[in-house]
N, C-alpha and C. Protein backbone atom coordinates (compact mmCIF):
# COMPACT_ATOMS: atom_id res chain seq x y z
N UNK A 1 125.34 98.72 96.07
CA UNK A 1 124.10 99.45 95.84
C UNK A 1 123.46 98.91 94.56
N UNK A 2 122.18 98.58 94.64
CA UNK A 2 121.47 98.06 93.47
C UNK A 2 121.14 99.18 92.49
N UNK A 3 120.74 98.81 91.28
CA UNK A 3 120.33 99.80 90.29
C UNK A 3 119.17 100.64 90.82
N UNK A 4 118.21 99.97 91.46
CA UNK A 4 117.05 100.67 92.00
C UNK A 4 117.48 101.68 93.05
N UNK A 5 118.36 101.29 93.92
CA UNK A 5 118.84 102.21 94.97
C UNK A 5 119.56 103.40 94.35
N UNK A 6 120.33 103.16 93.29
CA UNK A 6 121.02 104.26 92.60
C UNK A 6 120.01 105.23 92.00
N UNK A 7 118.98 104.67 91.35
CA UNK A 7 117.95 105.52 90.74
C UNK A 7 117.22 106.30 91.83
N UNK A 8 116.86 105.63 92.91
CA UNK A 8 116.18 106.31 94.02
C UNK A 8 117.03 107.47 94.54
N UNK A 9 118.31 107.23 94.70
CA UNK A 9 119.22 108.26 95.20
C UNK A 9 119.23 109.46 94.26
N UNK A 10 119.29 109.21 92.96
CA UNK A 10 119.29 110.31 92.00
C UNK A 10 117.97 111.06 92.01
N UNK A 11 116.88 110.33 92.08
CA UNK A 11 115.57 111.00 92.08
C UNK A 11 115.42 111.89 93.31
N UNK A 12 115.91 111.44 94.43
CA UNK A 12 115.84 112.25 95.66
C UNK A 12 116.57 113.57 95.51
N UNK A 13 117.50 113.65 94.59
CA UNK A 13 118.28 114.87 94.39
C UNK A 13 117.66 115.81 93.36
N UNK A 14 116.57 115.40 92.71
CA UNK A 14 115.92 116.25 91.72
C UNK A 14 115.34 117.49 92.37
N UNK A 15 115.42 118.62 91.64
CA UNK A 15 114.70 119.80 92.09
C UNK A 15 113.25 119.64 91.63
N UNK A 16 112.34 120.51 92.09
CA UNK A 16 110.92 120.32 91.74
C UNK A 16 110.63 120.24 90.24
N UNK A 17 111.31 121.03 89.44
CA UNK A 17 111.08 121.00 88.00
C UNK A 17 111.56 119.67 87.40
N UNK A 18 112.71 119.20 87.84
CA UNK A 18 113.21 117.92 87.36
C UNK A 18 112.29 116.78 87.78
N UNK A 19 111.79 116.85 89.00
CA UNK A 19 110.89 115.81 89.48
C UNK A 19 109.59 115.80 88.66
N UNK A 20 109.08 116.98 88.35
CA UNK A 20 107.86 117.06 87.52
C UNK A 20 108.12 116.47 86.14
N UNK A 21 109.26 116.79 85.55
CA UNK A 21 109.61 116.27 84.23
C UNK A 21 109.77 114.75 84.28
N UNK A 22 110.41 114.26 85.34
CA UNK A 22 110.58 112.82 85.49
C UNK A 22 109.23 112.13 85.63
N UNK A 23 108.35 112.70 86.45
CA UNK A 23 107.02 112.11 86.62
C UNK A 23 106.30 111.98 85.29
N UNK A 24 106.35 113.04 84.47
CA UNK A 24 105.67 113.01 83.18
C UNK A 24 106.31 111.97 82.27
N UNK A 25 107.64 111.94 82.23
CA UNK A 25 108.32 110.95 81.41
C UNK A 25 107.93 109.54 81.86
N UNK A 26 107.96 109.29 83.16
CA UNK A 26 107.66 107.95 83.65
C UNK A 26 106.21 107.59 83.41
N UNK A 27 105.29 108.53 83.54
CA UNK A 27 103.88 108.27 83.26
C UNK A 27 103.72 107.79 81.83
N UNK A 28 104.35 108.49 80.90
CA UNK A 28 104.27 108.12 79.48
C UNK A 28 104.95 106.77 79.23
N UNK A 29 106.12 106.58 79.81
CA UNK A 29 106.85 105.32 79.65
C UNK A 29 106.03 104.16 80.18
N UNK A 30 105.46 104.30 81.35
CA UNK A 30 104.68 103.24 81.98
C UNK A 30 103.44 102.92 81.14
N UNK A 31 102.79 103.95 80.62
CA UNK A 31 101.60 103.73 79.79
C UNK A 31 101.97 102.99 78.51
N UNK A 32 103.10 103.33 77.90
CA UNK A 32 103.53 102.64 76.69
C UNK A 32 103.86 101.17 76.98
N UNK A 33 104.50 100.91 78.11
CA UNK A 33 104.81 99.53 78.48
C UNK A 33 103.53 98.73 78.70
N UNK A 34 102.56 99.34 79.36
CA UNK A 34 101.26 98.70 79.61
C UNK A 34 100.59 98.36 78.28
N UNK A 35 100.58 99.33 77.36
CA UNK A 35 99.96 99.11 76.05
C UNK A 35 100.65 97.97 75.30
N UNK A 36 101.98 97.95 75.32
CA UNK A 36 102.71 96.87 74.64
C UNK A 36 102.37 95.51 75.23
N UNK A 37 102.31 95.44 76.56
CA UNK A 37 102.00 94.16 77.20
C UNK A 37 100.58 93.72 76.86
N UNK A 38 99.64 94.66 76.88
CA UNK A 38 98.26 94.33 76.54
C UNK A 38 98.16 93.83 75.10
N UNK A 39 98.83 94.52 74.18
CA UNK A 39 98.82 94.09 72.78
C UNK A 39 99.44 92.70 72.63
N UNK A 40 100.53 92.44 73.33
CA UNK A 40 101.16 91.13 73.28
C UNK A 40 100.22 90.05 73.82
N UNK A 41 99.58 90.35 74.94
CA UNK A 41 98.63 89.39 75.53
C UNK A 41 97.46 89.12 74.59
N UNK A 42 96.97 90.16 73.92
CA UNK A 42 95.87 89.99 72.97
C UNK A 42 96.30 89.10 71.81
N UNK A 43 97.47 89.39 71.22
CA UNK A 43 97.97 88.58 70.10
C UNK A 43 98.18 87.13 70.48
N UNK A 44 98.63 86.91 71.72
CA UNK A 44 98.92 85.55 72.18
C UNK A 44 97.66 84.82 72.64
N UNK A 45 96.52 85.52 72.67
CA UNK A 45 95.27 84.88 73.06
C UNK A 45 95.10 84.73 74.56
N UNK A 46 95.92 85.43 75.34
CA UNK A 46 95.84 85.28 76.80
C UNK A 46 94.56 85.86 77.40
N UNK A 47 93.87 86.68 76.62
CA UNK A 47 92.65 87.31 77.14
C UNK A 47 91.38 86.71 76.53
N UNK A 48 91.57 85.73 75.67
CA UNK A 48 90.42 85.14 74.98
C UNK A 48 89.39 84.57 75.95
N UNK A 49 89.84 83.86 76.96
CA UNK A 49 88.89 83.25 77.90
C UNK A 49 88.10 84.32 78.66
N UNK A 50 88.74 85.43 78.97
CA UNK A 50 88.02 86.51 79.65
C UNK A 50 86.97 87.12 78.73
N UNK A 51 87.32 87.30 77.47
CA UNK A 51 86.36 87.86 76.51
C UNK A 51 85.18 86.91 76.32
N UNK A 52 85.48 85.63 76.20
CA UNK A 52 84.41 84.65 76.04
C UNK A 52 83.50 84.62 77.26
N UNK A 53 84.07 84.72 78.43
CA UNK A 53 83.29 84.73 79.67
C UNK A 53 82.39 85.97 79.72
N UNK A 54 82.93 87.10 79.33
CA UNK A 54 82.14 88.34 79.35
C UNK A 54 81.00 88.28 78.34
N UNK A 55 81.30 87.76 77.15
CA UNK A 55 80.24 87.64 76.13
C UNK A 55 79.16 86.67 76.57
N UNK A 56 79.55 85.57 77.18
CA UNK A 56 78.56 84.60 77.66
C UNK A 56 77.70 85.22 78.75
N UNK A 57 78.30 85.97 79.63
CA UNK A 57 77.53 86.63 80.69
C UNK A 57 76.56 87.64 80.10
N UNK A 58 77.00 88.36 79.09
CA UNK A 58 76.13 89.35 78.44
C UNK A 58 74.96 88.65 77.75
N UNK A 59 75.27 87.58 77.04
CA UNK A 59 74.21 86.84 76.33
C UNK A 59 73.22 86.21 77.32
N UNK A 60 73.68 85.94 78.53
CA UNK A 60 72.80 85.35 79.54
C UNK A 60 72.02 86.43 80.29
N UNK A 61 72.17 87.68 79.85
CA UNK A 61 71.42 88.77 80.47
C UNK A 61 72.02 89.27 81.79
N UNK A 62 73.28 88.97 82.02
CA UNK A 62 73.90 89.36 83.27
C UNK A 62 74.61 90.71 83.17
N UNK A 63 74.35 91.44 82.10
CA UNK A 63 74.94 92.77 81.95
C UNK A 63 73.92 93.66 81.29
N UNK A 64 74.24 94.94 81.26
CA UNK A 64 73.36 95.88 80.57
C UNK A 64 74.23 96.87 79.82
N UNK A 65 73.66 97.43 78.76
CA UNK A 65 74.40 98.41 77.97
C UNK A 65 74.50 99.71 78.75
N UNK A 66 75.62 100.36 78.54
CA UNK A 66 75.85 101.66 79.22
C UNK A 66 75.29 102.79 78.44
């Protein structure tokens, strides 16, 4: 049995309150992981080309302010 299968098996045994608590924990955990990855990508310059493309499009009049 893989780790994922073990976790799935345990989650299936949660009562409604435990499942709600797990959902909230996982939502927060997932958001923190996303933020860390985004910050790492920003520091590494992985998003620079996208930013430059967006700025160029804006300067060319291909966008509007919200």
